[in-house]
């Protein structure tokens, strides 16, 4: 079943919740080496983990100013370096992507 996308007027500030699961013991969102990219149209904005905000109940989100983005489908991707002794440099690089089922539209 296809849900209708959330329509966000360009220029609004939005919170995007970030949830990563299956992290190794001792690794948290606060000490993870991660870079987020929020994109829409041909424009994107990058955030490192210092831009993550945490709610009182422990949920993490990014605050995004949509005036910095184009019109169209809103997407979130990340580059995550996860500690992993099976790799020569001690890290495993992962690149998760998420379609947020949201569109930035003209005001």
Protein backbone atom coordinates (compact mmCIF):
# COMPACT_ATOMS: atom_id res chain seq x y z
CA UNK A 1 0.00 0.00 0.00
CA UNK A 2 1.44 3.36 -1.05
CA UNK A 3 1.09 6.19 1.42
CA UNK A 4 0.73 9.73 0.20
CA UNK A 5 3.94 11.67 0.86
CA UNK A 6 4.06 14.37 3.48
CA UNK A 7 4.13 17.74 1.70
CA UNK A 8 6.56 20.23 3.26
CA UNK A 9 6.52 23.85 2.07
CA UNK A 10 10.03 24.93 1.10
CA UNK A 11 11.52 27.14 3.80
CA UNK A 12 10.05 25.31 6.79
CA UNK A 13 12.27 23.84 9.49
CA UNK A 14 11.72 20.10 9.99
CA UNK A 15 12.95 17.46 12.38
CA UNK A 16 14.06 14.16 10.86
CA UNK A 17 14.32 11.29 13.31
CA UNK A 18 17.47 9.17 13.01
CA UNK A 19 17.56 5.59 14.24
CA UNK A 20 20.40 3.13 13.74
CA UNK A 21 20.05 -0.41 15.02
CA UNK A 22 22.44 -3.30 15.60
CA UNK A 23 25.34 -1.14 16.74
CA UNK A 24 28.25 -2.98 18.41
CA UNK A 25 28.45 -3.02 22.21
CA UNK A 26 29.67 0.31 23.57
CA UNK A 27 28.89 2.22 20.36
CA UNK A 28 26.19 4.88 20.66
CA UNK A 29 24.87 7.59 18.39
CA UNK A 30 26.93 10.06 20.46
CA UNK A 31 30.29 8.37 19.80
CA UNK A 32 29.66 6.97 16.31
CA UNK A 33 31.65 8.29 13.34
CA UNK A 34 28.75 9.29 11.08
CA UNK A 35 27.92 11.89 8.44
CA UNK A 36 24.34 12.52 7.30
CA UNK A 37 23.26 13.93 3.96
CA UNK A 38 19.75 15.32 3.51
CA UNK A 39 18.94 15.86 -0.15
CA UNK A 40 16.11 17.08 -2.31
CA UNK A 41 16.28 17.95 -5.98
CA UNK A 42 19.86 18.75 -6.91
CA UNK A 43 20.74 20.24 -3.53
CA UNK A 44 21.95 18.60 -0.35
CA UNK A 45 23.10 19.52 3.13
CA UNK A 46 25.58 17.51 5.22
CA UNK A 47 25.58 17.12 9.00
CA UNK A 48 28.03 15.37 11.29
CA UNK A 49 26.99 13.75 14.56
CA UNK A 50 27.41 17.02 16.46
CA UNK A 51 24.20 18.20 14.77
CA UNK A 52 22.16 15.34 16.26
CA UNK A 53 19.71 16.46 18.92
CA UNK A 54 18.34 14.11 21.56
CA UNK A 55 14.87 14.23 23.08
CA UNK A 56 14.14 13.52 26.74
CA UNK A 57 13.11 9.96 25.82
CA UNK A 58 16.43 9.30 24.03
CA UNK A 59 15.31 9.67 20.40
CA UNK A 60 17.71 11.36 17.98
CA UNK A 61 16.87 13.83 15.24
CA UNK A 62 18.35 16.34 12.81
CA UNK A 63 16.86 19.81 12.47
CA UNK A 64 16.73 20.70 8.77
CA UNK A 65 16.10 24.11 7.20
CA UNK A 66 14.35 23.18 3.95
CA UNK A 67 15.14 26.56 2.37
CA UNK A 68 18.62 25.08 1.75
CA UNK A 69 17.12 22.30 -0.40
CA UNK A 70 15.43 22.06 -3.77
CA UNK A 71 11.94 20.85 -4.58
CA UNK A 72 11.01 17.16 -4.83
CA UNK A 73 11.52 13.94 -2.88
CA UNK A 74 13.28 14.34 0.47
CA UNK A 75 15.94 11.70 1.17
CA UNK A 76 18.31 10.91 4.01
CA UNK A 77 21.58 9.04 3.57
CA UNK A 78 24.51 8.45 5.87
CA UNK A 79 28.13 7.34 5.86
CA UNK A 80 28.72 5.32 9.01
CA UNK A 81 32.12 4.02 10.16
CA UNK A 82 31.40 1.16 12.54
CA UNK A 83 34.19 -0.37 14.63
CA UNK A 84 34.82 -3.88 13.28
CA UNK A 85 37.96 -5.92 13.93
CA UNK A 86 37.33 -8.02 10.79
CA UNK A 87 38.51 -5.09 8.65
CA UNK A 88 42.15 -4.06 8.20
CA UNK A 89 41.65 -0.48 9.40
CA UNK A 90 39.33 -1.59 12.23
CA UNK A 91 36.21 -0.01 10.68
CA UNK A 92 33.39 -1.14 8.43
CA UNK A 93 31.90 1.57 6.19
CA UNK A 94 28.16 1.44 5.63
CA UNK A 95 25.98 3.73 3.52
CA UNK A 96 22.32 3.43 4.51
CA UNK A 97 19.74 5.42 2.54
CA UNK A 98 16.17 6.22 3.46
CA UNK A 99 13.30 7.56 1.41
CA UNK A 100 11.43 9.74 3.89
CA UNK A 101 8.13 9.62 1.97
CA UNK A 102 8.10 13.41 1.99
CA UNK A 103 8.25 16.05 -0.72
CA UNK A 104 9.41 19.63 -0.50
CA UNK A 105 6.97 21.79 -2.41
CA UNK A 106 6.85 25.45 -3.32
CA UNK A 107 5.10 27.70 -0.80
